Amino acid sequence: MARLTIDTGTQGNPSTGDTLRTAMTKVNNNFAELAGDLQMSGNTLLSADTNGNIILDPNGTGQVQIEADRLVIKTTKTATGVGNTGDVAGSISWDATNLYVCTANYDGSTVIWKKLVLQGI
């Protein structure tokens, strides 16, 4: 659904715009669409789409910045050299001994994952 714009009329109060009821219906519909796309639960941002991505896309030269002192990837994944369907460049994964970076999109034959061996400090 496209965003609904409230018609405020052309003059002060001559009743040329939307009625109050029509305007508030548009407001409710706009918020319902917004709330339907993304949902919040405490500090968790959820996608309403099954298997949908959540994309943070700054405008222009903006960056996605994390102010905390760590970024946590909760699920381990041991990458294979050639990778698997769905592996895309820029992906990061880890297991108990390695950190992996995917350098290209999966094509079934090219080695796309690089690994960094983890050592204790």
PDB file of N, CA and C in Angstrom:
ATOM      1  N   MET A   1       0.845  -1.171   0.000  1.00  0.00           N
ATOM      2  CA  MET A   1       0.000   0.000   0.000  1.00  0.00           C
ATOM      3  C   MET A   1       0.888   1.232   0.000  1.00  0.00           C
ATOM      4  N   ALA A   2       0.522   2.218  -0.763  1.00  0.00           N
ATOM      5  CA  ALA A   2       1.258   3.478  -0.781  1.00  0.00           C
ATOM      6  C   ALA A   2       0.866   4.324   0.425  1.00  0.00           C
ATOM      7  N   ARG A   3       1.743   5.245   0.789  1.00  0.00           N
ATOM      8  CA  ARG A   3       1.454   6.155   1.900  1.00  0.00           C
ATOM      9  C   ARG A   3       0.234   6.997   1.546  1.00  0.00           C
ATOM     10  N   LEU A   4      -0.692   7.118   2.475  1.00  0.00           N
ATOM     11  CA  LEU A   4      -1.899   7.919   2.278  1.00  0.00           C
ATOM     12  C   LEU A   4      -1.654   9.326   2.797  1.00  0.00           C
ATOM     13  N   THR A   5      -1.941  10.326   1.976  1.00  0.00           N
ATOM     14  CA  THR A   5      -1.734  11.724   2.350  1.00  0.00           C
ATOM     15  C   THR A   5      -3.061  12.343   2.762  1.00  0.00           C
ATOM     16  N   ILE A   6      -3.052  13.058   3.869  1.00  0.00           N
ATOM     17  CA  ILE A   6      -4.254  13.733   4.353  1.00  0.00           C
ATOM     18  C   ILE A   6      -4.440  15.019   3.565  1.00  0.00           C
ATOM     19  N   ASP A   7      -5.631  15.192   3.006  1.00  0.00           N
ATOM     20  CA  ASP A   7      -5.964  16.417   2.270  1.00  0.00           C
ATOM     21  C   ASP A   7      -6.353  17.481   3.290  1.00  0.00           C
ATOM     22  N   THR A   8      -5.479  18.480   3.470  1.00  0.00           N
ATOM     23  CA  THR A   8      -5.742  19.531   4.459  1.00  0.00           C
ATOM     24  C   THR A   8      -6.547  20.682   3.880  1.00  0.00           C
ATOM     25  N   GLY A   9      -6.943  20.595   2.635  1.00  0.00           N
ATOM     26  CA  GLY A   9      -7.747  21.642   2.023  1.00  0.00           C
ATOM     27  C   GLY A   9      -6.894  22.764   1.473  1.00  0.00           C
ATOM     28  N   THR A  10      -7.562  23.758   0.910  1.00  0.00           N
ATOM     29  CA  THR A  10      -6.845  24.874   0.290  1.00  0.00           C
ATOM     30  C   THR A  10      -6.944  26.154   1.096  1.00  0.00           C
ATOM     31  N   GLN A  11      -7.843  26.211   2.062  1.00  0.00           N
ATOM     32  CA  GLN A  11      -8.026  27.416   2.870  1.00  0.00           C
ATOM     33  C   GLN A  11      -8.205  27.036   4.336  1.00  0.00           C
ATOM     34  N   GLY A  12      -8.353  28.045   5.182  1.00  0.00           N
ATOM     35  CA  GLY A  12      -8.441  27.872   6.629  1.00  0.00           C
ATOM     36  C   GLY A  12      -9.414  26.819   7.113  1.00  0.00           C
ATOM     37  N   ASN A  13     -10.680  27.038   7.115  1.00  0.00           N
ATOM     38  CA  ASN A  13     -11.662  26.071   7.606  1.00  0.00           C
ATOM     39  C   ASN A  13     -12.908  26.009   6.722  1.00  0.00           C
ATOM     40  N   PRO A  14     -12.763  25.985   5.401  1.00  0.00           N
ATOM     41  CA  PRO A  14     -13.965  25.953   4.568  1.00  0.00           C
ATOM     42  C   PRO A  14     -14.444  24.533   4.240  1.00  0.00           C
ATOM     43  N   SER A  15     -13.906  23.527   4.911  1.00  0.00           N
ATOM     44  CA  SER A  15     -14.305  22.131   4.683  1.00  0.00           C
ATOM     45  C   SER A  15     -13.954  21.633   3.289  1.00  0.00           C
ATOM     46  N   THR A  16     -12.783  22.060   2.760  1.00  0.00           N
ATOM     47  CA  THR A  16     -12.373  21.578   1.438  1.00  0.00           C
ATOM     48  C   THR A  16     -11.452  20.371   1.521  1.00  0.00           C
ATOM     49  N   GLY A  17     -10.977  20.024   2.711  1.00  0.00           N
ATOM     50  CA  GLY A  17     -10.070  18.878   2.870  1.00  0.00           C
ATOM     51  C   GLY A  17     -10.804  17.653   3.363  1.00  0.00           C
ATOM     52  N   ASP A  18     -10.024  16.654   3.816  1.00  0.00           N
ATOM     53  CA  ASP A  18     -10.606  15.436   4.374  1.00  0.00           C
ATOM     54  C   ASP A  18     -11.334  15.752   5.673  1.00  0.00           C
ATOM     55  N   THR A  19     -12.375  14.967   5.951  1.00  0.00           N
ATOM     56  CA  THR A  19     -13.025  15.081   7.254  1.00  0.00           C
ATOM     57  C   THR A  19     -12.069  14.526   8.309  1.00  0.00           C
ATOM     58  N   LEU A  20     -12.335  14.837   9.555  1.00  0.00           N
ATOM     59  CA  LEU A  20     -11.498  14.334  10.640  1.00  0.00           C
ATOM     60  C   LEU A  20     -11.482  12.801  10.636  1.00  0.00           C
ATOM     61  N   ARG A  21     -12.621  12.192  10.416  1.00  0.00           N
ATOM     62  CA  ARG A  21     -12.708  10.727  10.392  1.00  0.00           C
ATOM     63  C   ARG A  21     -11.863  10.150   9.255  1.00  0.00           C
ATOM     64  N   THR A  22     -11.966  10.717   8.057  1.00  0.00           N
ATOM     65  CA  THR A  22     -11.192  10.239   6.907  1.00  0.00           C
ATOM     66  C   THR A  22      -9.703  10.418   7.154  1.00  0.00           C
ATOM     67  N   ALA A  23      -9.314  11.570   7.706  1.00  0.00           N
ATOM     68  CA  ALA A  23      -7.898  11.842   7.970  1.00  0.00           C
ATOM     69  C   ALA A  23      -7.329  10.845   8.975  1.00  0.00           C
ATOM     70  N   MET A  24      -8.050  10.581  10.051  1.00  0.00           N
ATOM     71  CA  MET A  24      -7.553   9.658  11.072  1.00  0.00           C
ATOM     72  C   MET A  24      -7.538   8.212  10.562  1.00  0.00           C
ATOM     73  N   THR A  25      -8.453   7.861   9.673  1.00  0.00           N
ATOM     74  CA  THR A  25      -8.415   6.537   9.043  1.00  0.00           C
ATOM     75  C   THR A  25      -7.136   6.392   8.232  1.00  0.00           C
ATOM     76  N   LYS A  26      -6.748   7.444   7.512  1.00  0.00           N
ATOM     77  CA  LYS A  26      -5.490   7.417   6.751  1.00  0.00           C
ATOM     78  C   LYS A  26      -4.292   7.284   7.691  1.00  0.00           C
ATOM     79  N   VAL A  27      -4.322   7.997   8.810  1.00  0.00           N
ATOM     80  CA  VAL A  27      -3.234   7.896   9.792  1.00  0.00           C
ATOM     81  C   VAL A  27      -3.136   6.459  10.307  1.00  0.00           C
ATOM     82  N   ASN A  28      -4.270   5.876  10.695  1.00  0.00           N
ATOM     83  CA  ASN A  28      -4.271   4.494  11.187  1.00  0.00           C
ATOM     84  C   ASN A  28      -3.735   3.525  10.138  1.00  0.00           C
ATOM     85  N   ASN A  29      -4.155   3.687   8.893  1.00  0.00           N
ATOM     86  CA  ASN A  29      -3.689   2.796   7.829  1.00  0.00           C
ATOM     87  C   ASN A  29      -2.192   2.944   7.596  1.00  0.00           C
ATOM     88  N   ASN A  30      -1.687   4.180   7.635  1.00  0.00           N
ATOM     89  CA  ASN A  30      -0.244   4.391   7.458  1.00  0.00           C
ATOM     90  C   ASN A  30       0.546   3.701   8.570  1.00  0.00           C
ATOM     91  N   PHE A  31       0.107   3.855   9.825  1.00  0.00           N
ATOM     92  CA  PHE A  31       0.813   3.223  10.937  1.00  0.00           C
ATOM     93  C   PHE A  31       0.661   1.703  10.908  1.00  0.00           C
ATOM     94  N   ALA A  32      -0.492   1.200  10.495  1.00  0.00           N
ATOM     95  CA  ALA A  32      -0.689  -0.249  10.410  1.00  0.00           C
ATOM     96  C   ALA A  32       0.272  -0.853   9.398  1.00  0.00           C
ATOM     97  N   GLU A  33       0.479  -0.177   8.266  1.00  0.00           N
ATOM     98  CA  GLU A  33       1.418  -0.684   7.269  1.00  0.00           C
ATOM     99  C   GLU A  33       2.838  -0.667   7.815  1.00  0.00           C
ATOM    100  N   LEU A  34       3.212   0.410   8.470  1.00  0.00           N
ATOM    101  CA  LEU A  34       4.552   0.512   9.049  1.00  0.00           C
ATOM    102  C   LEU A  34       4.763  -0.565  10.111  1.00  0.00           C
ATOM    103  N   ALA A  35       3.807  -0.733  10.988  1.00  0.00           N
ATOM    104  CA  ALA A  35       3.918  -1.726  12.053  1.00  0.00           C
ATOM    105  C   ALA A  35       3.878  -3.142  11.498  1.00  0.00           C
ATOM    106  N   GLY A  36       3.247  -3.342  10.360  1.00  0.00           N
ATOM    107  CA  GLY A  36       3.184  -4.664   9.753  1.00  0.00           C
ATOM    108  C   GLY A  36       4.495  -5.095   9.135  1.00  0.00           C
ATOM    109  N   ASP A  37       5.311  -4.143   8.692  1.00  0.00           N
ATOM    110  CA  ASP A  37       6.585  -4.468   8.053  1.00  0.00           C
ATOM    111  C   ASP A  37       7.655  -4.827   9.071  1.00  0.00           C
ATOM    112  N   LEU A  38       7.745  -4.078  10.149  1.00  0.00           N
ATOM    113  CA  LEU A  38       8.732  -4.329  11.199  1.00  0.00           C
ATOM    114  C   LEU A  38       8.021  -4.358  12.537  1.00  0.00           C
ATOM    115  N   GLN A  39       8.480  -5.216  13.405  1.00  0.00           N
ATOM    116  CA  GLN A  39       7.880  -5.326  14.723  1.00  0.00           C
ATOM    117  C   GLN A  39       8.967  -5.197  15.774  1.00  0.00           C
ATOM    118  N   MET A  40       8.626  -4.615  16.898  1.00  0.00           N
ATOM    119  CA  MET A  40       9.553  -4.484  18.020  1.00  0.00           C
ATOM    120  C   MET A  40       9.035  -5.339  19.171  1.00  0.00           C
ATOM    121  N   SER A  41       9.963  -6.027  19.814  1.00  0.00           N
ATOM    122  CA  SER A  41       9.643  -6.796  21.011  1.00  0.00           C
ATOM    123  C   SER A  41      10.778  -6.561  21.994  1.00  0.00           C
ATOM    124  N   GLY A  42      10.561  -5.681  22.962  1.00  0.00           N
ATOM    125  CA  GLY A  42      11.647  -5.292  23.862  1.00  0.00           C
ATOM    126  C   GLY A  42      12.744  -4.609  23.063  1.00  0.00           C
ATOM    127  N   ASN A  43      13.950  -5.149  23.111  1.00  0.00           N
ATOM    128  CA  ASN A  43      15.068  -4.603  22.341  1.00  0.00           C
ATOM    129  C   ASN A  43      15.300  -5.365  21.046  1.00  0.00           C
ATOM    130  N   THR A  44      14.321  -6.142  20.599  1.00  0.00           N
ATOM    131  CA  THR A  44      14.480  -6.966  19.406  1.00  0.00           C
ATOM    132  C   THR A  44      13.666  -6.394  18.254  1.00  0.00           C
ATOM    133  N   LEU A  45      14.310  -6.218  17.104  1.00  0.00           N
ATOM    134  CA  LEU A  45      13.662  -5.776  15.873  1.00  0.00           C
ATOM    135  C   LEU A  45      13.379  -7.018  15.042  1.00  0.00           C
ATOM    136  N   LEU A  46      12.122  -7.240  14.674  1.00  0.00           N
ATOM    137  CA  LEU A  46      11.718  -8.448  13.963  1.00  0.00           C
ATOM    138  C   LEU A  46      11.187  -8.106  12.579  1.00  0.00           C
ATOM    139  N   SER A  47      11.481  -8.966  11.599  1.00  0.00           N
ATOM    140  CA  SER A  47      10.909  -8.827  10.268  1.00  0.00           C
ATOM    141  C   SER A  47       9.578  -9.562  10.236  1.00  0.00           C
ATOM    142  N   ALA A  48       8.559  -8.940   9.652  1.00  0.00           N
ATOM    143  CA  ALA A  48       7.260  -9.595   9.530  1.00  0.00           C
ATOM    144  C   ALA A  48       7.269 -10.632   8.413  1.00  0.00           C
ATOM    145  N   ASP A  49       8.224 -10.540   7.485  1.00  0.00           N
ATOM    146  CA  ASP A  49       8.326 -11.483   6.372  1.00  0.00           C
ATOM    147  C   ASP A  49       9.049 -12.749   6.824  1.00  0.00           C
ATOM    148  N   THR A  50       8.490 -13.909   6.527  1.00  0.00           N
ATOM    149  CA  THR A  50       9.175 -15.162   6.816  1.00  0.00           C
ATOM    150  C   THR A  50      10.468 -15.209   6.013  1.00  0.00           C
ATOM    151  N   ASN A  51      11.572 -15.485   6.680  1.00  0.00           N
ATOM    152  CA  ASN A  51      12.905 -15.526   6.064  1.00  0.00           C
ATOM    153  C   ASN A  51      13.308 -14.189   5.447  1.00  0.00           C
ATOM    154  N   GLY A  52      12.699 -13.095   5.895  1.00  0.00           N
ATOM    155  CA  GLY A  52      13.015 -11.775   5.350  1.00  0.00           C
ATOM    156  C   GLY A  52      14.272 -11.192   5.966  1.00  0.00           C
ATOM    157  N   ASN A  53      15.028 -10.465   5.168  1.00  0.00           N
ATOM    158  CA  ASN A  53      16.221  -9.776   5.650  1.00  0.00           C
ATOM    159  C   ASN A  53      15.830  -8.481   6.341  1.00  0.00           C
ATOM    160  N   ILE A  54      16.646  -8.046   7.275  1.00  0.00           N
ATOM    161  CA  ILE A  54      16.523  -6.716   7.859  1.00  0.00           C
ATOM    162  C   ILE A  54      17.725  -5.937   7.354  1.00  0.00           C
ATOM    163  N   ILE A  55      17.475  -4.885   6.596  1.00  0.00           N
ATOM    164  CA  ILE A  55      18.539  -4.134   5.939  1.00  0.00           C
ATOM    165  C   ILE A  55      18.626  -2.744   6.554  1.00  0.00           C
ATOM    166  N   LEU A  56      19.814  -2.378   6.997  1.00  0.00           N
ATOM    167  CA  LEU A  56      20.085  -1.024   7.463  1.00  0.00           C
ATOM    168  C   LEU A  56      20.847  -0.345   6.333  1.00  0.00           C
ATOM    169  N   ASP A  57      20.274   0.663   5.719  1.00  0.00           N
ATOM    170  CA  ASP A  57      20.852   1.257   4.517  1.00  0.00           C
ATOM    171  C   ASP A  57      20.934   2.774   4.664  1.00  0.00           C
ATOM    172  N   PRO A  58      22.069   3.285   5.165  1.00  0.00           N
ATOM    173  CA  PRO A  58      22.218   4.729   5.313  1.00  0.00           C
ATOM    174  C   PRO A  58      22.187   5.433   3.955  1.00  0.00           C
ATOM    175  N   ASN A  59      21.808   6.682   3.973  1.00  0.00           N
ATOM    176  CA  ASN A  59      21.746   7.480   2.753  1.00  0.00           C
ATOM    177  C   ASN A  59      23.107   8.098   2.459  1.00  0.00           C
ATOM    178  N   GLY A  60      23.481   8.195   1.180  1.00  0.00           N
ATOM    179  CA  GLY A  60      24.725   8.864   0.795  1.00  0.00           C
ATOM    180  C   GLY A  60      25.947   8.176   1.352  1.00  0.00           C
ATOM    181  N   THR A  61      26.794   8.934   2.032  1.00  0.00           N
ATOM    182  CA  THR A  61      28.036   8.383   2.576  1.00  0.00           C
ATOM    183  C   THR A  61      27.883   7.948   4.033  1.00  0.00           C
ATOM    184  N   GLY A  62      26.653   7.884   4.517  1.00  0.00           N
ATOM    185  CA  GLY A  62      26.409   7.453   5.893  1.00  0.00           C
ATOM    186  C   GLY A  62      26.876   6.032   6.122  1.00  0.00           C
ATOM    187  N   GLN A  63      27.078   5.673   7.382  1.00  0.00           N
ATOM    188  CA  GLN A  63      27.570   4.358   7.770  1.00  0.00           C
ATOM    189  C   GLN A  63      26.642   3.742   8.804  1.00  0.00           C
ATOM    190  N   VAL A  64      26.639   2.430   8.872  1.00  0.00           N
ATOM    191  CA  VAL A  64      25.993   1.736   9.982  1.00  0.00           C
ATOM    192  C   VAL A  64      27.059   1.602  11.056  1.00  0.00           C
ATOM    193  N   GLN A  65      26.832   2.203  12.204  1.00  0.00           N
ATOM    194  CA  GLN A  65      27.824   2.197  13.276  1.00  0.00           C
ATOM    195  C   GLN A  65      27.250   1.499  14.503  1.00  0.00           C
ATOM    196  N   ILE A  66      28.112   0.784  15.194  1.00  0.00           N
ATOM    197  CA  ILE A  66      27.728   0.107  16.425  1.00  0.00           C
ATOM    198  C   ILE A  66      28.483   0.780  17.559  1.00  0.00           C
ATOM    199  N   GLU A  67      27.760   1.366  18.496  1.00  0.00           N
ATOM    200  CA  GLU A  67      28.375   2.116  19.584  1.00  0.00           C
ATOM    201  C   GLU A  67      28.890   1.217  20.702  1.00  0.00           C
ATOM    202  N   ALA A  68      28.400  -0.011  20.785  1.00  0.00           N
ATOM    203  CA  ALA A  68      28.834  -0.922  21.846  1.00  0.00           C
ATOM    204  C   ALA A  68      30.264  -1.390  21.584  1.00  0.00           C
ATOM    205  N   ASP A  69      30.863  -2.053  22.554  1.00  0.00           N
ATOM    206  CA  ASP A  69      32.251  -2.495  22.409  1.00  0.00           C
ATOM    207  C   ASP A  69      32.365  -3.884  21.793  1.00  0.00           C
ATOM    208  N   ARG A  70      31.251  -4.468  21.343  1.00  0.00           N
ATOM    209  CA  ARG A  70      31.329  -5.766  20.667  1.00  0.00           C
ATOM    210  C   ARG A  70      30.089  -6.019  19.820  1.00  0.00           C
ATOM    211  N   LEU A  71      30.274  -6.824  18.800  1.00  0.00           N
ATOM    212  CA  LEU A  71      29.205  -7.296  17.923  1.00  0.00           C
ATOM    213  C   LEU A  71      29.151  -8.808  18.095  1.00  0.00           C
ATOM    214  N   VAL A  72      27.992  -9.366  18.352  1.00  0.00           N
ATOM    215  CA  VAL A  72      27.885 -10.790  18.654  1.00  0.00           C
ATOM    216  C   VAL A  72      27.135 -11.509  17.536  1.00  0.00           C
ATOM    217  N   ILE A  73      27.767 -12.531  16.968  1.00  0.00           N
ATOM    218  CA  ILE A  73      27.111 -13.448  16.039  1.00  0.00           C
ATOM    219  C   ILE A  73      26.855 -14.709  16.849  1.00  0.00           C
ATOM    220  N   LYS A  74      25.596 -14.984  17.172  1.00  0.00           N
ATOM    221  CA  LYS A  74      25.271 -16.013  18.159  1.00  0.00           C
ATOM    222  C   LYS A  74      25.402 -17.443  17.647  1.00  0.00           C
ATOM    223  N   THR A  75      25.198 -17.676  16.365  1.00  0.00           N
ATOM    224  CA  THR A  75      25.198 -19.038  15.843  1.00  0.00           C
ATOM    225  C   THR A  75      26.495 -19.333  15.108  1.00  0.00           C
ATOM    226  N   THR A  76      27.099 -20.480  15.408  1.00  0.00           N
ATOM    227  CA  THR A  76      28.335 -20.855  14.723  1.00  0.00           C
ATOM    228  C   THR A  76      28.027 -21.434  13.350  1.00  0.00           C
ATOM    229  N   LYS A  77      28.981 -21.283  12.448  1.00  0.00           N
ATOM    230  CA  LYS A  77      28.885 -21.882  11.109  1.00  0.00           C
ATOM    231  C   LYS A  77      30.300 -22.163  10.650  1.00  0.00           C
ATOM    232  N   THR A  78      30.603 -23.413  10.395  1.00  0.00           N
ATOM    233  CA  THR A  78      31.898 -23.769   9.835  1.00  0.00           C
ATOM    234  C   THR A  78      31.767 -23.698   8.323  1.00  0.00           C
ATOM    235  N   ALA A  79      32.443 -22.737   7.721  1.00  0.00           N
ATOM    236  CA  ALA A  79      32.334 -22.527   6.279  1.00  0.00           C
ATOM    237  C   ALA A  79      33.187 -23.534   5.520  1.00  0.00           C
ATOM    238  N   THR A  80      32.741 -23.888   4.330  1.00  0.00           N
ATOM    239  CA  THR A  80      33.549 -24.706   3.427  1.00  0.00           C
ATOM    240  C   THR A  80      34.112 -23.794   2.353  1.00  0.00           C
ATOM    241  N   GLY A  81      35.217 -24.176   1.715  1.00  0.00           N
ATOM    242  CA  GLY A  81      35.864 -23.311   0.731  1.00  0.00           C
ATOM    243  C   GLY A  81      34.929 -22.807  -0.345  1.00  0.00           C
ATOM    244  N   VAL A  82      34.205 -23.727  -1.001  1.00  0.00           N
ATOM    245  CA  VAL A  82      33.313 -23.354  -2.097  1.00  0.00           C
ATOM    246  C   VAL A  82      32.017 -22.749  -1.566  1.00  0.00           C
ATOM    247  N   GLY A  83      31.644 -23.072  -0.357  1.00  0.00           N
ATOM    248  CA  GLY A  83      30.456 -22.506   0.253  1.00  0.00           C
ATOM    249  C   GLY A  83      29.195 -23.279  -0.057  1.00  0.00           C
ATOM    250  N   ASN A  84      28.073 -22.634   0.226  1.00  0.00           N
ATOM    251  CA  ASN A  84      26.754 -23.241   0.057  1.00  0.00           C
ATOM    252  C   ASN A  84      25.795 -22.229  -0.553  1.00  0.00           C
ATOM    253  N   THR A  85      24.691 -22.726  -1.065  1.00  0.00           N
ATOM    254  CA  THR A  85      23.652 -21.853  -1.597  1.00  0.00           C
ATOM    255  C   THR A  85      23.278 -20.818  -0.541  1.00  0.00           C
ATOM    256  N   GLY A  86      23.208 -19.562  -0.933  1.00  0.00           N
ATOM    257  CA  GLY A  86      22.865 -18.484  -0.010  1.00  0.00           C
ATOM    258  C   GLY A  86      24.064 -17.744   0.541  1.00  0.00           C
ATOM    259  N   ASP A  87      25.276 -18.290   0.398  1.00  0.00           N
ATOM    260  CA  ASP A  87      26.479 -17.583   0.852  1.00  0.00           C
ATOM    261  C   ASP A  87      26.733 -16.388  -0.063  1.00  0.00           C
ATOM    262  N   VAL A  88      26.953 -15.219   0.516  1.00  0.00           N
ATOM    263  CA  VAL A  88      27.183 -14.004  -0.269  1.00  0.00           C
ATOM    264  C   VAL A  88      28.404 -13.266   0.258  1.00  0.00           C
ATOM    265  N   ALA A  89      29.036 -12.511  -0.635  1.00  0.00           N
ATOM    266  CA  ALA A  89      30.218 -11.728  -0.271  1.00  0.00           C
ATOM    267  C   ALA A  89      29.903 -10.824   0.910  1.00  0.00           C
ATOM    268  N   GLY A  90      30.819 -10.764   1.856  1.00  0.00           N
ATOM    269  CA  GLY A  90      30.649  -9.931   3.037  1.00  0.00           C
ATOM    270  C   GLY A  90      30.136 -10.687   4.243  1.00  0.00           C
ATOM    271  N   SER A  91      29.714 -11.918   4.048  1.00  0.00           N
ATOM    272  CA  SER A  91      29.243 -12.724   5.178  1.00  0.00           C
ATOM    273  C   SER A  91      30.413 -13.054   6.098  1.00  0.00           C
ATOM    274  N   ILE A  92      30.131 -13.120   7.381  1.00  0.00           N
ATOM    275  CA  ILE A  92      31.134 -13.474   8.385  1.00  0.00           C
ATOM    276  C   ILE A  92      30.551 -14.601   9.224  1.00  0.00           C
ATOM    277  N   SER A  93      31.357 -15.619   9.501  1.00  0.00           N
ATOM    278  CA  SER A  93      30.916 -16.698  10.387  1.00  0.00           C
ATOM    279  C   SER A  93      32.094 -17.157  11.230  1.00  0.00           C
ATOM    280  N   TRP A  94      31.818 -18.051  12.158  1.00  0.00           N
ATOM    281  CA  TRP A  94      32.866 -18.503  13.074  1.00  0.00           C
ATOM    282  C   TRP A  94      32.546 -19.890  13.608  1.00  0.00           C
ATOM    283  N   ASP A  95      33.580 -20.543  14.100  1.00  0.00           N
ATOM    284  CA  ASP A  95      33.418 -21.757  14.890  1.00  0.00           C
ATOM    285  C   ASP A  95      34.459 -21.699  16.009  1.00  0.00           C
ATOM    286  N   ALA A  96      34.698 -22.778  16.700  1.00  0.00           N
ATOM    287  CA  ALA A  96      35.581 -22.759  17.869  1.00  0.00           C
ATOM    288  C   ALA A  96      37.031 -22.428  17.534  1.00  0.00           C
ATOM    289  N   THR A  97      37.466 -22.643  16.299  1.00  0.00           N
ATOM    290  CA  THR A  97      38.884 -22.453  15.963  1.00  0.00           C
ATOM    291  C   THR A  97      39.160 -21.432  14.874  1.00  0.00           C
ATOM    292  N   ASN A  98      38.133 -20.989  14.135  1.00  0.00           N
ATOM    293  CA  ASN A  98      38.360 -20.102  12.988  1.00  0.00           C
ATOM    294  C   ASN A  98      37.325 -18.994  12.890  1.00  0.00           C
ATOM    295  N   LEU A  99      37.730 -17.907  12.250  1.00  0.00           N
ATOM    296  CA  LEU A  99      36.834 -16.837  11.829  1.00  0.00           C
ATOM    297  C   LEU A  99      36.843 -16.881  10.310  1.00  0.00           C
ATOM    298  N   TYR A 100      35.663 -16.837   9.675  1.00  0.00           N
ATOM    299  CA  TYR A 100      35.558 -16.972   8.223  1.00  0.00           C
ATOM    300  C   TYR A 100      34.973 -15.702   7.608  1.00  0.00           C
ATOM    301  N   VAL A 101      35.469 -15.341   6.414  1.00  0.00           N
ATOM    302  CA  VAL A 101      34.940 -14.209   5.658  1.00  0.00           C
ATOM    303  C   VAL A 101      34.639 -14.695   4.247  1.00  0.00           C
ATOM    304  N   CYS A 102      33.431 -14.444   3.781  1.00  0.00           N
ATOM    305  CA  CYS A 102      33.037 -14.820   2.424  1.00  0.00           C
ATOM    306  C   CYS A 102      33.409 -13.673   1.488  1.00  0.00           C
ATOM    307  N   THR A 103      34.182 -13.974   0.442  1.00  0.00           N
ATOM    308  CA  THR A 103      34.715 -12.928  -0.439  1.00  0.00           C
ATOM    309  C   THR A 103      34.014 -12.839  -1.788  1.00  0.00           C
ATOM    310  N   ALA A 104      33.060 -13.722  -2.060  1.00  0.00           N
ATOM    311  CA  ALA A 104      32.314 -13.687  -3.325  1.00  0.00           C
ATOM    312  C   ALA A 104      30.983 -14.402  -3.116  1.00  0.00           C
ATOM    313  N   ASN A 105      30.071 -14.246  -4.053  1.00  0.00           N
ATOM    314  CA  ASN A 105      28.791 -14.936  -3.977  1.00  0.00           C
ATOM    315  C   ASN A 105      28.950 -16.394  -4.406  1.00  0.00           C
ATOM    316  N   TYR A 106      28.165 -17.266  -3.815  1.00  0.00           N
ATOM    317  CA  TYR A 106      28.217 -18.697  -4.108  1.00  0.00           C
ATOM    318  C   TYR A 106      27.878 -18.960  -5.571  1.00  0.00           C
ATOM    319  N   ASP A 107      28.728 -19.756  -6.245  1.00  0.00           N
ATOM    320  CA  ASP A 107      28.444 -20.180  -7.619  1.00  0.00           C
ATOM    321  C   ASP A 107      28.604 -21.686  -7.800  1.00  0.00           C
ATOM    322  N   GLY A 108      28.949 -22.393  -6.737  1.00  0.00           N
ATOM    323  CA  GLY A 108      29.055 -23.838  -6.799  1.00  0.00           C
ATOM    324  C   GLY A 108      30.433 -24.379  -7.112  1.00  0.00           C
ATOM    325  N   SER A 109      31.372 -23.512  -7.549  1.00  0.00           N
ATOM    326  CA  SER A 109      32.694 -24.037  -7.908  1.00  0.00           C
ATOM    327  C   SER A 109      33.862 -23.183  -7.424  1.00  0.00           C
ATOM    328  N   THR A 110      33.675 -21.882  -7.264  1.00  0.00           N
ATOM    329  CA  THR A 110      34.758 -20.987  -6.863  1.00  0.00           C
ATOM    330  C   THR A 110      34.941 -21.021  -5.347  1.00  0.00           C
ATOM    331  N   VAL A 111      36.195 -21.033  -4.903  1.00  0.00           N
ATOM    332  CA  VAL A 111      36.470 -20.937  -3.467  1.00  0.00           C
ATOM    333  C   VAL A 111      36.144 -19.509  -3.033  1.00  0.00           C
ATOM    334  N   ILE A 112      35.183 -19.370  -2.133  1.00  0.00           N
ATOM    335  CA  ILE A 112      34.695 -18.037  -1.753  1.00  0.00           C
ATOM    336  C   ILE A 112      34.942 -17.691  -0.289  1.00  0.00           C
ATOM    337  N   TRP A 113      35.310 -18.662   0.540  1.00  0.00           N
ATOM    338  CA  TRP A 113      35.525 -18.404   1.963  1.00  0.00           C
ATOM    339  C   TRP A 113      37.009 -18.367   2.288  1.00  0.00           C
ATOM    340  N   LYS A 114      37.412 -17.409   3.099  1.00  0.00           N
ATOM    341  CA  LYS A 114      38.772 -17.317   3.639  1.00  0.00           C
ATOM    342  C   LYS A 114      38.651 -17.504   5.146  1.00  0.00           C
ATOM    343  N   LYS A 115      39.705 -18.041   5.782  1.00  0.00           N
ATOM    344  CA  LYS A 115      39.618 -18.251   7.223  1.00  0.00           C
ATOM    345  C   LYS A 115      40.831 -17.678   7.938  1.00  0.00           C
ATOM    346  N   LEU A 116      40.587 -17.281   9.147  1.00  0.00           N
ATOM    347  CA  LEU A 116      41.609 -16.785  10.053  1.00  0.00           C
ATOM    348  C   LEU A 116      41.599 -17.720  11.261  1.00  0.00           C
ATOM    349  N   VAL A 117      42.735 -18.338  11.538  1.00  0.00           N
ATOM    350  CA  VAL A 117      42.826 -19.271  12.658  1.00  0.00           C
ATOM    351  C   VAL A 117      42.864 -18.479  13.963  1.00  0.00           C
ATOM    352  N   LEU A 118      42.034 -18.870  14.906  1.00  0.00           N
ATOM    353  CA  LEU A 118      41.955 -18.183  16.196  1.00  0.00           C
ATOM    354  C   LEU A 118      42.961 -18.778  17.173  1.00  0.00           C
ATOM    355  N   GLN A 119      43.644 -17.907  17.902  1.00  0.00           N
ATOM    356  CA  GLN A 119      44.596 -18.333  18.922  1.00  0.00           C
ATOM    357  C   GLN A 119      44.266 -17.610  20.217  1.00  0.00           C
ATOM    358  N   GLY A 120      44.584 -18.219  21.331  1.00  0.00           N
ATOM    359  CA  GLY A 120      44.374 -17.583  22.627  1.00  0.00           C
ATOM    360  C   GLY A 120      45.278 -16.371  22.791  1.00  0.00           C
ATOM    361  N   ILE A 121      44.843 -15.407  23.601  1.00  0.00           N
ATOM    362  CA  ILE A 121      45.663 -14.211  23.855  1.00  0.00           C
ATOM    363  C   ILE A 121      46.075 -14.150  25.315  1.00  0.00           C
TER     364      ILE A 121
END
